[in-house]
Amino acid sequence: MCACVSAAGCTGIVQVGPDGPTLDGSSAEPSGADAGDAGLPTVDSGSLGSDAGSDGGGPARDAGLAVIDGGTPDGGVPDAGDAPDADTTPCALETQGGVMLSTGTPLAAAVVPNPIVSLNKPVTTTTPGYNASQLFLDPPLPNNVNTTYGVAWQPAPGQSVTINVGTGPTDLLMVWQVDYPDYVAPSAGFGLPYGYQIDISPDGTTWTSVVPATTTNYRSREAKFAFSGNSYVRFTVLSTTAGDNSMFRSMKIFDASHGTEDTWLVAGPGPSRFVYNDVEGPGFGHLVNSCRPKYYPALINISDLTPSISNLVAALQAPAATNWLSLNPDFHFWILTYGLEDLGSVSTFSSTLESAVQLLLAAGKVPVLTHIQYVTPGNGGGIDPTTIVPFNAAIDALVAKYKLLPSPDLYAWFEAHPTQLCTSADDSNDPSGFCGETQWNGIQPINVTGRTGVSDTIRLWAAATTAGGVYAQ
């Protein structure tokens, strides 16, 4: 079941299930919301307990909404504020073209911001002739959505980039990635593996190492480190793959002084590699920030070419050196987009996905499950779209069982908007280049001219997080 707002292919407004957001204000809102609020439900942003606001007839106690706090990654910092009426009305950027969301349980409290601090800050590099500010770009909303970040940084061993983020934060979270589509490189090449080190300084002269010399074989990386009394961050590339310089496409730094709740990790199969790629402007963080100015979520994409949900479970149980939880310890929300590689047994898929959910919850993470997207008949992968339906029903059952957040209904959306999927090998509206590979025809989402984000997938995710009470005005 989906919720629609002015979306082609929907027959009126369809409310979501008993605990999901009501987009038309016509039916009972989830427990803890104000029954009289029109539009999206107003989700109380205080803790479970007495409703401190004058809600005009709202319930005296928030009942039935689980506080999904994530546990230890927050460092004991409580969820944001006790304001009784967090605004969960989607902004115009989130609703362009319509909204379709799956059922879910909104958070009882908005997350604590970990705002970006690397925008428009002085950047230098020891790489001759390179403008290193391109690495930290967050472009304004472009007229042409097929706009990428700047030219990649290709350092030689020993070269570095330095940014002056200024004083104030006691802790920082840095996220970066090289220009390679898969999370795990199958062999040397495409800039992987490479060695790096991160140092900090109060004056740009005296340096302290906060991330010692490290070698990685993963596209997307993150590091959290103490920063009190410092202003500068220096990232040095110590080694590169022989014959192929590392190509760094994006770097972002966030203020982690109050924890890292507003962090989002995406894990999934092939199409997710570029759809959730934060090097395509403006990206998820920019879109959320445009609607909720005090937030700018950090995003990391660990999607790979052909993984199934069983691959994720194995990675969550692997030894520390290759364990995806150990590699990404500071990311709070885990978006799981699996399913296209799992269309065999529904029961096997469901039980394996539930194992992943349980592992993430036990690690203090917040799993978020999204519907397997619709694919057009005759697609390059030979997938019959009707076979996806029972798998999405299994996903809905897990969302209800574990009271997980609402998410985009990617099946309903792309069924109603099939032209937003690759239509041919030379699709002129495809910024990713995936349409040139026949296996992605009818599967890979593309940009939508005149709308923001990598694709409507990103825009729908921004709307889902707002409806899910993650953000407050």
Protein backbone atom coordinates (compact mmCIF):
# COMPACT_ATOMS: atom_id res chain seq x y z
CA MET A 1 0.00 0.00 0.00
CA CYS A 2 1.33 3.44 -0.81
CA ALA A 3 0.59 7.06 -0.18
CA CYS A 4 0.37 9.37 -3.17
CA VAL A 5 0.36 13.11 -3.56
CA SER A 6 -0.36 14.36 -7.06
CA ALA A 7 1.47 11.46 -8.67
CA ALA A 8 0.59 10.17 -12.10
CA GLY A 9 -0.74 6.67 -11.97
CA CYS A 10 -2.31 6.99 -8.52
CA THR A 11 -6.06 6.99 -8.17
CA GLY A 12 -6.52 9.69 -5.56
CA ILE A 13 -4.91 9.79 -2.16
CA VAL A 14 -4.21 6.43 -0.58
CA GLN A 15 -3.48 6.40 3.12
CA VAL A 16 -0.81 4.11 4.49
CA GLY A 17 -1.35 1.46 7.16
CA PRO A 18 -2.31 1.91 10.79
CA ASP A 19 1.05 3.23 11.92
CA GLY A 20 2.18 4.91 8.71
CA PRO A 21 2.05 8.59 7.76
CA THR A 22 -1.23 9.95 6.48
CA LEU A 23 -0.50 12.33 3.65
CA ASP A 24 -4.00 13.73 3.21
CA GLY A 25 -4.93 14.27 6.85
CA SER A 26 -8.14 12.33 6.34
CA SER A 27 -7.65 9.53 8.81
CA ALA A 28 -6.27 8.82 12.23
CA GLU A 29 -2.64 9.66 12.65
CA PRO A 30 -0.18 7.34 14.36
CA SER A 31 -0.09 7.24 18.13
CA GLY A 32 1.69 10.26 19.52
CA ALA A 33 0.58 12.53 16.68
CA ASP A 34 -1.90 15.35 16.95
CA ALA A 35 -5.21 14.19 15.57
CA GLY A 36 -6.21 17.65 14.44
CA ASP A 37 -3.15 18.41 12.31
CA ALA A 38 -3.82 18.44 8.59
CA GLY A 39 -1.43 17.00 6.04
CA LEU A 40 1.43 14.86 7.23
CA PRO A 41 1.17 13.76 10.87
CA THR A 42 2.74 15.99 13.46
CA VAL A 43 5.14 13.70 15.28
CA ASP A 44 5.87 14.63 18.87
CA SER A 45 9.61 15.12 19.18
CA GLY A 46 9.81 14.58 22.93
CA SER A 47 10.56 11.35 24.71
CA LEU A 48 7.96 8.72 25.46
CA GLY A 49 5.99 10.03 28.39
CA SER A 50 3.87 13.06 29.11
CA ASP A 51 3.11 15.24 26.12
CA ALA A 52 4.49 18.60 27.23
CA GLY A 53 2.84 20.63 24.48
CA SER A 54 -0.54 22.29 24.35
CA ASP A 55 -1.73 20.07 21.57
CA GLY A 56 -5.33 21.21 21.52
CA GLY A 57 -6.81 17.86 22.33
CA GLY A 58 -3.77 15.75 21.46
CA PRO A 59 -3.12 12.64 23.52
CA ALA A 60 -1.77 13.10 27.01
CA ARG A 61 0.85 10.43 26.44
CA ASP A 62 2.76 9.24 23.40
CA ALA A 63 1.62 5.66 23.01
CA GLY A 64 2.89 3.00 20.70
CA LEU A 65 5.80 4.83 19.05
CA ALA A 66 9.10 3.16 19.76
CA VAL A 67 12.06 5.40 20.46
CA ILE A 68 14.62 4.25 17.91
CA ASP A 69 17.72 5.82 19.35
CA GLY A 70 20.46 3.58 18.02
CA GLY A 71 22.19 2.98 21.34
CA THR A 72 25.90 3.40 21.78
CA PRO A 73 26.78 5.29 18.56
CA ASP A 74 25.04 8.33 20.07
CA GLY A 75 27.55 8.46 22.89
CA GLY A 76 24.72 8.83 25.37
CA VAL A 77 23.39 12.00 23.74
CA PRO A 78 19.58 12.01 23.82
CA ASP A 79 17.48 12.63 20.76
CA ALA A 80 16.87 16.24 19.86
CA GLY A 81 14.73 18.44 22.03
CA ASP A 82 11.39 18.10 23.68
CA ALA A 83 9.47 20.40 21.33
CA PRO A 84 5.96 18.92 21.31
CA ASP A 85 5.17 19.57 17.66
CA ALA A 86 8.03 18.88 15.26
CA ASP A 87 7.02 20.00 11.78
CA THR A 88 6.90 16.98 9.47
CA THR A 89 5.26 18.74 6.53
CA PRO A 90 7.30 18.00 3.40
CA CYS A 91 8.73 20.99 1.56
CA ALA A 92 8.22 21.64 -2.16
CA LEU A 93 11.52 20.04 -3.15
CA GLU A 94 10.43 16.76 -1.55
CA THR A 95 7.03 16.64 -3.24
CA GLN A 96 7.82 17.62 -6.82
CA GLY A 97 5.99 15.10 -8.96
CA GLY A 98 4.28 13.38 -6.04
CA VAL A 99 5.10 11.21 -3.05
CA MET A 100 4.72 7.46 -2.55
CA LEU A 101 5.73 6.00 0.80
CA SER A 102 5.54 2.53 2.27
CA THR A 103 4.14 1.97 5.74
CA GLY A 104 6.28 2.40 8.81
CA THR A 105 6.51 3.80 12.33
CA PRO A 106 7.76 7.40 12.68
CA LEU A 107 10.41 8.19 15.27
CA ALA A 108 9.17 9.56 18.57
CA ALA A 109 11.93 12.19 18.52
CA ALA A 110 13.94 13.95 15.85
CA VAL A 111 17.63 13.11 15.57
CA VAL A 112 20.45 15.25 16.92
CA PRO A 113 22.06 17.17 14.04
CA ASN A 114 25.67 16.57 13.06
CA PRO A 115 25.93 19.52 10.65
CA ILE A 116 28.38 19.76 7.80
CA VAL A 117 31.35 22.06 8.49
CA SER A 118 33.40 21.69 5.31
CA LEU A 119 31.33 23.90 2.99
CA ASN A 120 32.95 27.06 1.64
CA LYS A 121 36.06 26.64 3.77
CA PRO A 122 39.64 27.40 2.60
CA VAL A 123 41.24 24.37 0.94
CA THR A 124 44.81 23.87 -0.28
CA THR A 125 46.68 20.98 -1.83
CA THR A 126 50.22 19.94 -2.61
CA THR A 127 49.06 18.56 -5.97
CA PRO A 128 50.27 21.04 -8.61
CA GLY A 129 47.59 22.73 -10.73
CA TYR A 130 44.60 21.25 -8.89
CA ASN A 131 41.79 23.27 -7.31
CA ALA A 132 41.14 21.16 -4.22
CA SER A 133 38.00 23.09 -3.27
CA GLN A 134 36.24 20.92 -5.88
CA LEU A 135 36.48 17.98 -3.48
CA PHE A 136 34.29 19.73 -0.91
CA LEU A 137 31.69 21.26 -3.23
CA ASP A 138 28.01 21.36 -2.46
CA PRO A 139 26.63 23.04 -5.59
CA PRO A 140 23.44 25.09 -5.49
CA LEU A 141 20.36 23.43 -6.91
CA PRO A 142 21.15 23.38 -10.63
CA ASN A 143 18.80 24.05 -13.51
CA ASN A 144 20.27 20.99 -15.16
CA VAL A 145 20.09 18.09 -12.71
CA ASN A 146 22.79 16.23 -14.66
CA THR A 147 25.42 18.18 -12.73
CA THR A 148 28.29 16.40 -11.00
CA TYR A 149 30.83 17.57 -8.53
CA GLY A 150 34.15 18.92 -9.71
CA VAL A 151 37.10 17.24 -11.33
CA ALA A 152 38.47 14.29 -9.37
CA TRP A 153 41.63 14.65 -7.31
CA GLN A 154 44.42 12.38 -8.58
CA PRO A 155 47.26 12.71 -6.07
CA ALA A 156 50.65 11.11 -6.32
CA PRO A 157 51.95 9.31 -3.21
CA GLY A 158 52.81 11.82 -0.51
CA GLN A 159 50.50 14.56 -1.75
CA SER A 160 47.81 15.97 0.50
CA VAL A 161 44.77 18.20 0.75
CA THR A 162 44.23 20.53 3.73
CA ILE A 163 41.01 22.26 4.79
CA ASN A 164 40.54 24.89 7.49
CA VAL A 165 37.16 24.05 9.06
CA GLY A 166 37.74 26.48 11.94
CA THR A 167 37.45 26.07 15.68
CA GLY A 168 34.48 24.89 17.71
CA PRO A 169 33.77 21.19 17.13
CA THR A 170 35.14 18.78 19.70
CA ASP A 171 34.82 15.84 17.29
CA LEU A 172 34.65 15.52 13.52
CA LEU A 173 33.35 12.88 11.13
CA MET A 174 35.02 12.76 7.71
CA VAL A 175 33.51 10.86 4.76
CA TRP A 176 35.15 10.40 1.37
CA GLN A 177 35.17 8.16 -1.68
CA VAL A 178 37.18 7.37 -4.77
CA ASP A 179 35.77 7.31 -8.27
CA TYR A 180 34.93 3.62 -8.44
CA PRO A 181 31.40 2.17 -8.51
CA ASP A 182 31.74 -0.91 -6.29
CA TYR A 183 32.30 -0.84 -2.53
CA VAL A 184 34.81 -3.69 -2.67
CA ALA A 185 37.31 -3.81 -5.51
CA PRO A 186 37.63 -7.35 -6.92
CA SER A 187 41.28 -6.71 -7.80
CA ALA A 188 43.82 -3.89 -7.94
CA GLY A 189 42.76 -0.98 -10.13
CA PHE A 190 40.45 2.01 -10.24
CA GLY A 191 42.53 3.65 -7.53
CA LEU A 192 42.20 0.75 -5.08
CA PRO A 193 43.88 -0.12 -2.81
CA TYR A 194 45.48 3.08 -1.51
CA GLY A 195 47.12 4.24 1.69
CA TYR A 196 46.18 7.37 3.62
CA GLN A 197 46.66 9.28 6.86
CA ILE A 198 44.67 12.07 8.56
CA ASP A 199 46.28 14.78 10.69
CA ILE A 200 44.88 17.80 12.53
CA SER A 201 46.41 21.11 13.54
CA PRO A 202 45.52 24.27 15.49
CA ASP A 203 47.59 26.54 13.23
CA GLY A 204 48.41 24.66 10.01
CA THR A 205 52.01 24.18 11.19
CA THR A 206 52.04 21.74 14.11
CA TRP A 207 50.30 18.48 13.22
CA THR A 208 48.93 15.54 15.21
CA SER A 209 47.97 12.25 13.58
CA VAL A 210 44.39 11.19 14.37
CA VAL A 211 44.13 8.42 11.76
CA PRO A 212 47.50 6.65 11.38
CA ALA A 213 48.76 5.19 8.12
CA THR A 214 45.99 2.95 6.78
CA THR A 215 45.54 0.93 3.60
CA THR A 216 42.05 0.36 2.26
CA ASN A 217 40.46 -1.62 -0.53
CA TYR A 218 37.03 0.02 -0.11
CA ARG A 219 35.59 2.78 -2.25
CA SER A 220 33.77 4.72 0.49
CA ARG A 221 35.38 5.40 3.86
CA GLU A 222 34.72 7.29 7.06
CA ALA A 223 36.70 8.36 10.10
CA LYS A 224 35.65 10.02 13.36
CA PHE A 225 38.27 11.76 15.48
CA ALA A 226 38.71 14.25 18.34
CA PHE A 227 39.21 17.86 17.27
CA SER A 228 39.14 20.11 20.36
CA GLY A 229 41.44 23.11 20.02
CA ASN A 230 42.14 22.49 16.34
CA SER A 231 41.20 24.17 13.05
CA TYR A 232 42.84 22.24 10.21
CA VAL A 233 42.36 18.76 8.76
CA ARG A 234 44.97 17.30 6.42
CA PHE A 235 44.34 14.17 4.33
CA THR A 236 47.52 12.64 2.86
CA VAL A 237 47.63 9.87 0.27
CA LEU A 238 50.56 7.64 1.18
CA SER A 239 50.37 5.12 -1.64
CA THR A 240 48.34 4.47 -4.78
CA THR A 241 47.72 1.51 -7.02
CA ALA A 242 50.57 0.96 -9.47
CA GLY A 243 49.79 2.45 -12.86
CA ASP A 244 46.55 4.05 -11.70
CA ASN A 245 46.39 7.06 -9.41
CA SER A 246 43.60 7.15 -6.85
CA MET A 247 40.78 9.40 -8.06
CA PHE A 248 39.03 11.04 -5.11
CA ARG A 249 35.62 12.44 -6.02
CA SER A 250 34.10 13.73 -2.79
CA MET A 251 35.06 14.68 0.75
CA LYS A 252 32.75 15.99 3.47
CA ILE A 253 33.38 16.80 7.14
CA PHE A 254 30.68 16.96 9.82
CA ASP A 255 30.53 18.27 13.37
CA ALA A 256 30.25 15.12 15.50
CA SER A 257 30.48 16.92 18.84
CA HIS A 258 26.98 15.72 19.79
CA GLY A 259 27.17 12.28 18.20
CA THR A 260 26.49 10.98 14.72
CA GLU A 261 22.78 10.24 14.67
CA ASP A 262 22.14 11.97 11.35
CA THR A 263 24.22 9.54 9.32
CA TRP A 264 22.91 7.27 6.57
CA LEU A 265 24.54 4.23 5.04
CA VAL A 266 23.19 2.55 1.89
CA ALA A 267 23.85 -1.12 1.18
CA GLY A 268 22.45 -2.94 -1.81
CA PRO A 269 22.98 -4.34 -5.32
CA GLY A 270 24.10 -2.80 -8.63
CA PRO A 271 21.55 -0.03 -9.24
CA SER A 272 22.11 1.38 -5.75
CA ARG A 273 25.75 2.12 -6.51
CA PHE A 274 24.95 5.27 -8.48
CA VAL A 275 21.43 6.14 -7.34
CA TYR A 276 22.70 6.73 -3.81
CA ASN A 277 26.05 8.14 -4.89
CA ASP A 278 26.65 11.45 -3.12
CA VAL A 279 29.04 12.76 -5.80
CA GLU A 280 26.09 13.65 -8.03
CA GLY A 281 24.83 17.11 -7.10
CA PRO A 282 22.92 18.14 -5.18
CA GLY A 283 22.54 14.79 -3.38
CA PHE A 284 20.62 13.60 -0.34
CA GLY A 285 22.33 15.84 2.21
CA HIS A 286 21.81 19.00 0.20
CA LEU A 287 18.18 18.18 -0.45
CA VAL A 288 17.42 17.56 3.23
CA ASN A 289 19.32 20.72 4.19
CA SER A 290 17.27 22.75 1.72
CA CYS A 291 14.11 21.63 3.52
CA ARG A 292 15.40 21.39 7.11
CA PRO A 293 18.21 23.99 7.43
CA LYS A 294 19.69 22.82 10.75
CA TYR A 295 20.38 19.36 9.32
CA TYR A 296 22.78 18.07 6.69
CA PRO A 297 22.89 14.26 6.87
CA ALA A 298 26.09 12.40 6.13
CA LEU A 299 25.71 9.68 3.49
CA ILE A 300 27.97 6.76 2.67
CA ASN A 301 27.28 4.21 -0.06
CA ILE A 302 28.63 0.68 0.34
CA SER A 303 26.57 -0.91 -2.44
CA ASP A 304 28.26 -3.48 -4.63
CA LEU A 305 27.69 -5.03 -8.05
CA THR A 306 25.74 -8.25 -7.43
CA PRO A 307 25.27 -8.80 -3.70
CA SER A 308 22.29 -10.55 -2.21
CA ILE A 309 21.05 -10.11 1.33
CA SER A 310 23.05 -13.19 2.32
CA ASN A 311 26.22 -11.28 1.33
CA LEU A 312 25.27 -8.53 3.78
CA VAL A 313 24.66 -10.99 6.61
CA ALA A 314 28.07 -12.56 5.97
CA ALA A 315 29.71 -9.10 5.94
CA LEU A 316 28.04 -8.19 9.25
CA GLN A 317 29.43 -11.36 10.81
CA ALA A 318 32.91 -11.20 9.26
CA PRO A 319 36.16 -10.67 11.20
CA ALA A 320 36.81 -7.07 12.21
CA ALA A 321 39.15 -6.25 9.31
CA THR A 322 36.43 -6.91 6.76
CA ASN A 323 33.30 -6.52 8.89
CA TRP A 324 31.04 -3.81 7.45
CA LEU A 325 29.97 -2.75 10.94
CA SER A 326 33.59 -2.32 11.98
CA LEU A 327 34.40 -0.45 8.77
CA ASN A 328 31.48 1.96 9.22
CA PRO A 329 31.10 2.28 12.99
CA ASP A 330 29.76 5.84 13.04
CA PHE A 331 26.77 5.41 10.71
CA HIS A 332 23.41 5.26 12.42
CA PHE A 333 20.71 4.53 9.83
CA TRP A 334 21.33 1.60 7.47
CA ILE A 335 19.22 1.68 4.30
CA LEU A 336 18.93 -1.83 2.85
CA THR A 337 17.94 -1.90 -0.82
CA TYR A 338 18.36 -5.64 -1.38
CA GLY A 339 16.04 -7.90 -3.34
CA LEU A 340 16.78 -7.73 -7.06
CA GLU A 341 19.43 -10.42 -6.60
CA ASP A 342 17.23 -12.46 -4.22
CA LEU A 343 14.12 -13.25 -6.27
CA GLY A 344 14.07 -16.96 -5.48
CA SER A 345 12.42 -18.17 -2.29
CA VAL A 346 10.35 -15.55 -0.47
CA SER A 347 10.77 -17.33 2.86
CA THR A 348 14.55 -17.59 2.46
CA PHE A 349 14.77 -13.91 1.55
CA SER A 350 12.57 -12.90 4.46
CA SER A 351 14.45 -14.94 7.05
CA THR A 352 17.84 -13.74 5.79
CA LEU A 353 16.70 -10.11 5.71
CA GLU A 354 15.39 -10.53 9.26
CA SER A 355 18.79 -11.83 10.32
CA ALA A 356 20.38 -8.66 8.91
CA VAL A 357 17.84 -6.50 10.76
CA GLN A 358 18.55 -8.31 14.03
CA LEU A 359 22.33 -7.98 13.59
CA LEU A 360 22.02 -4.26 12.94
CA LEU A 361 19.69 -3.69 15.89
CA ALA A 362 22.04 -5.64 18.16
CA ALA A 363 24.87 -3.35 17.01
CA GLY A 364 22.86 -0.25 17.92
CA LYS A 365 22.02 0.66 14.33
CA VAL A 366 18.65 1.61 12.83
CA PRO A 367 17.83 -0.55 9.78
CA VAL A 368 15.54 0.97 7.17
CA LEU A 369 13.95 -1.35 4.60
CA THR A 370 12.68 -0.12 1.26
CA HIS A 371 10.47 -1.87 -1.28
CA ILE A 372 12.25 -3.63 -4.11
CA GLN A 373 11.80 -1.27 -7.02
CA TYR A 374 9.57 -1.96 -9.99
CA VAL A 375 11.33 -2.95 -13.21
CA THR A 376 9.86 -2.72 -16.69
CA PRO A 377 8.90 -5.96 -18.49
CA GLY A 378 11.60 -7.10 -20.87
CA ASN A 379 14.32 -5.42 -18.82
CA GLY A 380 17.98 -6.25 -19.32
CA GLY A 381 18.08 -8.44 -16.23
CA GLY A 382 15.19 -10.62 -17.37
CA ILE A 383 13.24 -9.94 -14.16
CA ASP A 384 9.47 -10.43 -14.19
CA PRO A 385 8.12 -7.45 -12.20
CA THR A 386 5.18 -9.47 -10.88
CA THR A 387 7.55 -11.77 -9.02
CA ILE A 388 8.67 -8.83 -6.86
CA VAL A 389 5.26 -8.28 -5.23
CA PRO A 390 5.37 -11.09 -2.62
CA PHE A 391 8.90 -10.09 -1.64
CA ASN A 392 7.70 -6.56 -0.92
CA ALA A 393 4.91 -8.02 1.21
CA ALA A 394 7.59 -9.85 3.22
CA ILE A 395 9.48 -6.57 3.63
CA ASP A 396 6.29 -4.88 4.88
CA ALA A 397 5.83 -7.63 7.46
CA LEU A 398 9.34 -7.03 8.84
CA VAL A 399 8.81 -3.26 8.88
CA ALA A 400 5.68 -3.78 10.97
CA LYS A 401 7.26 -6.39 13.25
CA TYR A 402 10.27 -4.25 14.13
CA LYS A 403 8.49 -0.86 13.92
CA LEU A 404 10.91 0.40 11.28
CA LEU A 405 10.75 3.79 9.58
CA PRO A 406 8.62 4.60 6.52
CA SER A 407 10.53 4.48 3.24
CA PRO A 408 9.89 5.21 -0.44
CA ASP A 409 7.57 2.79 -2.20
CA LEU A 410 9.92 2.33 -5.12
CA TYR A 411 7.76 -0.38 -6.65
CA ALA A 412 4.66 1.81 -6.83
CA TRP A 413 6.64 4.86 -7.89
CA PHE A 414 8.44 3.32 -10.85
CA GLU A 415 5.39 1.32 -11.89
CA ALA A 416 3.65 4.69 -12.22
CA HIS A 417 6.74 6.35 -13.75
CA PRO A 418 8.48 3.69 -15.91
CA THR A 419 10.08 6.34 -18.14
CA GLN A 420 12.29 7.22 -15.17
CA LEU A 421 14.11 3.92 -15.74
CA CYS A 422 16.67 3.37 -18.49
CA THR A 423 14.83 2.92 -21.76
CA SER A 424 17.72 2.27 -24.15
CA ALA A 425 21.46 1.99 -24.34
CA ASP A 426 21.73 5.59 -25.53
CA ASP A 427 19.26 7.14 -23.09
CA SER A 428 20.06 10.86 -23.28
CA ASN A 429 18.75 11.56 -19.78
CA ASP A 430 21.08 9.12 -18.03
CA PRO A 431 23.96 10.76 -16.09
CA SER A 432 25.36 7.52 -14.69
CA GLY A 433 26.30 5.81 -17.93
CA PHE A 434 24.57 2.64 -16.77
CA CYS A 435 22.07 2.76 -19.60
CA GLY A 436 24.97 1.95 -21.89
CA GLU A 437 25.05 -1.50 -20.28
CA THR A 438 22.08 -3.52 -21.51
CA GLN A 439 21.72 -5.35 -18.18
CA TRP A 440 20.43 -2.11 -16.59
CA ASN A 441 17.83 -1.23 -19.23
CA GLY A 442 14.43 -1.06 -17.59
CA ILE A 443 16.05 -1.25 -14.13
CA GLN A 444 18.47 1.63 -13.49
CA PRO A 445 16.75 4.87 -12.37
CA ILE A 446 17.75 8.04 -14.20
CA ASN A 447 17.52 11.73 -13.43
CA VAL A 448 14.29 13.58 -14.07
CA THR A 449 14.74 16.81 -15.97
CA GLY A 450 13.61 19.79 -13.93
CA ARG A 451 13.70 18.04 -10.56
CA THR A 452 16.46 17.80 -8.00
CA GLY A 453 18.57 14.95 -6.72
CA VAL A 454 20.31 12.07 -8.41
CA SER A 455 16.88 10.71 -9.28
CA ASP A 456 13.39 10.75 -7.84
CA THR A 457 14.65 7.99 -5.56
CA ILE A 458 16.66 10.54 -3.57
CA ARG A 459 13.77 13.00 -3.47
CA LEU A 460 11.43 10.29 -2.17
CA TRP A 461 13.94 9.38 0.53
CA ALA A 462 14.04 13.00 1.70
CA ALA A 463 10.23 12.97 1.93
CA ALA A 464 10.28 9.64 3.78
CA THR A 465 12.71 10.88 6.42
CA THR A 466 10.58 13.96 6.99
CA ALA A 467 7.39 11.89 7.28
CA GLY A 468 9.24 9.50 9.57
CA GLY A 469 9.87 12.23 12.14
CA VAL A 470 13.64 12.12 11.64
CA TYR A 471 13.87 15.88 11.17
CA ALA A 472 12.19 18.81 12.91
CA GLN A 473 12.01 22.47 12.01
